[in-house]
Amino acid sequence: MPLEAGLLEILACPACHAPLREEGDELLCTSEAECGLVYPVRDGIPVLLVDEARRPA
C-alpha cells in the first residue's frame, strides 16, 4: 500500500536528514553517499528507527 504523497514529502532520513523515496514496502534514503539506509514500512506505517534500518546489499 503506497504512502500518501504529502506524507512522503515531509519524511526524512533520521540518520542524515535526506529525503526518502518509496520503493515497494520500504523507504530508501536518497543520500547514498552519506548513509543510504533502507527503512521498512510495516502495515502502512514507516518504521524510521535507525536500529530497524538496513544497509542495501
N, C-alpha and C. Protein backbone atom coordinates (compact mmCIF):
# COMPACT_ATOMS: atom_id res chain seq x y z
N MET A 1 0.84 -1.18 0.00
CA MET A 1 0.00 0.00 0.00
C MET A 1 0.89 1.24 0.00
N PRO A 2 0.82 2.07 -1.03
CA PRO A 2 1.68 3.24 -1.13
C PRO A 2 1.33 4.29 -0.08
N LEU A 3 2.34 5.04 0.34
CA LEU A 3 2.14 6.13 1.28
C LEU A 3 1.54 7.32 0.56
N GLU A 4 0.85 8.17 1.30
CA GLU A 4 0.31 9.39 0.71
C GLU A 4 1.46 10.29 0.27
N ALA A 5 1.27 10.96 -0.85
CA ALA A 5 2.33 11.82 -1.39
C ALA A 5 2.69 12.93 -0.40
N GLY A 6 1.72 13.50 0.28
CA GLY A 6 2.00 14.56 1.25
C GLY A 6 2.86 14.08 2.40
N LEU A 7 2.63 12.85 2.85
CA LEU A 7 3.43 12.29 3.93
C LEU A 7 4.85 12.04 3.48
N LEU A 8 5.00 11.50 2.30
CA LEU A 8 6.32 11.20 1.78
C LEU A 8 7.15 12.47 1.59
N GLU A 9 6.49 13.58 1.28
CA GLU A 9 7.20 14.85 1.09
C GLU A 9 7.82 15.38 2.38
N ILE A 10 7.21 15.08 3.53
CA ILE A 10 7.73 15.62 4.79
C ILE A 10 8.64 14.66 5.54
N LEU A 11 8.68 13.39 5.14
CA LEU A 11 9.54 12.43 5.81
C LEU A 11 10.99 12.62 5.38
N ALA A 12 11.90 12.40 6.32
CA ALA A 12 13.33 12.49 6.03
C ALA A 12 14.05 11.38 6.78
N CYS A 13 15.22 11.04 6.29
CA CYS A 13 16.04 10.02 6.92
C CYS A 13 16.45 10.51 8.30
N PRO A 14 16.18 9.74 9.35
CA PRO A 14 16.57 10.19 10.68
C PRO A 14 18.08 10.22 10.91
N ALA A 15 18.84 9.51 10.10
CA ALA A 15 20.29 9.47 10.27
C ALA A 15 20.99 10.69 9.64
N CYS A 16 20.58 11.05 8.41
CA CYS A 16 21.28 12.14 7.71
C CYS A 16 20.37 13.26 7.25
N HIS A 17 19.06 13.12 7.43
CA HIS A 17 18.05 14.13 7.12
C HIS A 17 17.82 14.34 5.62
N ALA A 18 18.25 13.40 4.80
CA ALA A 18 17.99 13.47 3.36
C ALA A 18 16.55 13.02 3.09
N PRO A 19 15.98 13.41 1.95
CA PRO A 19 14.64 12.94 1.59
C PRO A 19 14.62 11.42 1.41
N LEU A 20 13.44 10.85 1.55
CA LEU A 20 13.24 9.42 1.35
C LEU A 20 12.41 9.20 0.10
N ARG A 21 12.63 8.06 -0.54
CA ARG A 21 11.77 7.67 -1.67
C ARG A 21 11.23 6.28 -1.39
N GLU A 22 10.02 6.07 -1.87
CA GLU A 22 9.34 4.80 -1.63
C GLU A 22 9.68 3.81 -2.72
N GLU A 23 9.99 2.60 -2.31
CA GLU A 23 10.25 1.52 -3.26
C GLU A 23 9.69 0.24 -2.66
N GLY A 24 8.56 -0.19 -3.20
CA GLY A 24 7.89 -1.37 -2.66
C GLY A 24 7.41 -1.11 -1.25
N ASP A 25 7.78 -1.98 -0.33
CA ASP A 25 7.36 -1.80 1.06
C ASP A 25 8.53 -1.28 1.91
N GLU A 26 9.36 -0.43 1.30
CA GLU A 26 10.50 0.16 2.00
C GLU A 26 10.65 1.62 1.61
N LEU A 27 11.33 2.37 2.47
CA LEU A 27 11.70 3.75 2.18
C LEU A 27 13.21 3.81 2.11
N LEU A 28 13.73 4.36 1.02
CA LEU A 28 15.16 4.43 0.79
C LEU A 28 15.66 5.85 0.97
N CYS A 29 16.76 5.99 1.69
CA CYS A 29 17.41 7.28 1.84
C CYS A 29 18.00 7.65 0.48
N THR A 30 17.77 8.89 0.04
CA THR A 30 18.25 9.31 -1.27
C THR A 30 19.71 9.74 -1.24
N SER A 31 20.30 9.83 -0.06
CA SER A 31 21.70 10.22 0.07
C SER A 31 22.57 8.98 0.19
N GLU A 32 22.77 8.31 -0.92
CA GLU A 32 23.55 7.08 -0.92
C GLU A 32 25.00 7.33 -0.50
N ALA A 33 25.52 8.52 -0.75
CA ALA A 33 26.90 8.84 -0.39
C ALA A 33 27.06 8.95 1.13
N GLU A 34 26.05 9.49 1.83
CA GLU A 34 26.16 9.67 3.27
C GLU A 34 25.76 8.43 4.04
N CYS A 35 24.55 7.90 3.77
CA CYS A 35 24.15 6.71 4.56
C CYS A 35 23.44 5.67 3.70
N GLY A 36 22.45 6.05 2.90
CA GLY A 36 21.78 5.10 2.03
C GLY A 36 20.98 4.02 2.75
N LEU A 37 20.53 4.29 3.97
CA LEU A 37 19.79 3.29 4.74
C LEU A 37 18.42 3.00 4.11
N VAL A 38 17.92 1.81 4.37
CA VAL A 38 16.62 1.37 3.88
C VAL A 38 15.74 1.08 5.09
N TYR A 39 14.59 1.77 5.16
CA TYR A 39 13.68 1.65 6.30
C TYR A 39 12.45 0.84 5.89
N PRO A 40 11.99 -0.06 6.75
CA PRO A 40 10.81 -0.86 6.42
C PRO A 40 9.51 -0.06 6.60
N VAL A 41 8.49 -0.48 5.88
CA VAL A 41 7.13 0.03 6.08
C VAL A 41 6.30 -1.18 6.46
N ARG A 42 5.77 -1.18 7.68
CA ARG A 42 5.00 -2.31 8.17
C ARG A 42 3.55 -1.90 8.37
N ASP A 43 2.65 -2.62 7.72
CA ASP A 43 1.22 -2.33 7.81
C ASP A 43 0.91 -0.88 7.45
N GLY A 44 1.64 -0.34 6.46
CA GLY A 44 1.42 1.02 6.01
C GLY A 44 2.04 2.09 6.89
N ILE A 45 2.83 1.69 7.89
CA ILE A 45 3.45 2.63 8.82
C ILE A 45 4.96 2.60 8.64
N PRO A 46 5.58 3.73 8.29
CA PRO A 46 7.03 3.77 8.15
C PRO A 46 7.71 3.59 9.52
N VAL A 47 8.68 2.71 9.58
CA VAL A 47 9.45 2.47 10.80
C VAL A 47 10.78 3.20 10.62
N LEU A 48 10.84 4.44 11.10
CA LEU A 48 12.01 5.28 10.87
C LEU A 48 12.95 5.26 12.08
N LEU A 49 13.35 4.06 12.44
CA LEU A 49 14.31 3.87 13.51
C LEU A 49 15.61 3.38 12.88
N VAL A 50 16.71 4.04 13.20
CA VAL A 50 18.00 3.65 12.62
C VAL A 50 18.33 2.21 12.98
N ASP A 51 17.94 1.77 14.17
CA ASP A 51 18.21 0.39 14.58
C ASP A 51 17.43 -0.63 13.76
N GLU A 52 16.32 -0.23 13.16
CA GLU A 52 15.49 -1.13 12.35
C GLU A 52 15.87 -1.06 10.87
N ALA A 53 16.69 -0.08 10.49
CA ALA A 53 17.08 0.09 9.09
C ALA A 53 18.16 -0.91 8.71
N ARG A 54 18.30 -1.09 7.41
CA ARG A 54 19.35 -1.98 6.91
C ARG A 54 20.13 -1.26 5.83
N ARG A 55 21.33 -1.72 5.62
CA ARG A 55 22.16 -1.20 4.52
C ARG A 55 21.79 -1.96 3.25
N PRO A 56 21.73 -1.28 2.13
CA PRO A 56 21.43 -2.01 0.88
C PRO A 56 22.53 -3.01 0.55
N ALA A 57 22.13 -4.09 -0.10
CA ALA A 57 23.09 -5.16 -0.43
C ALA A 57 24.04 -4.75 -1.52
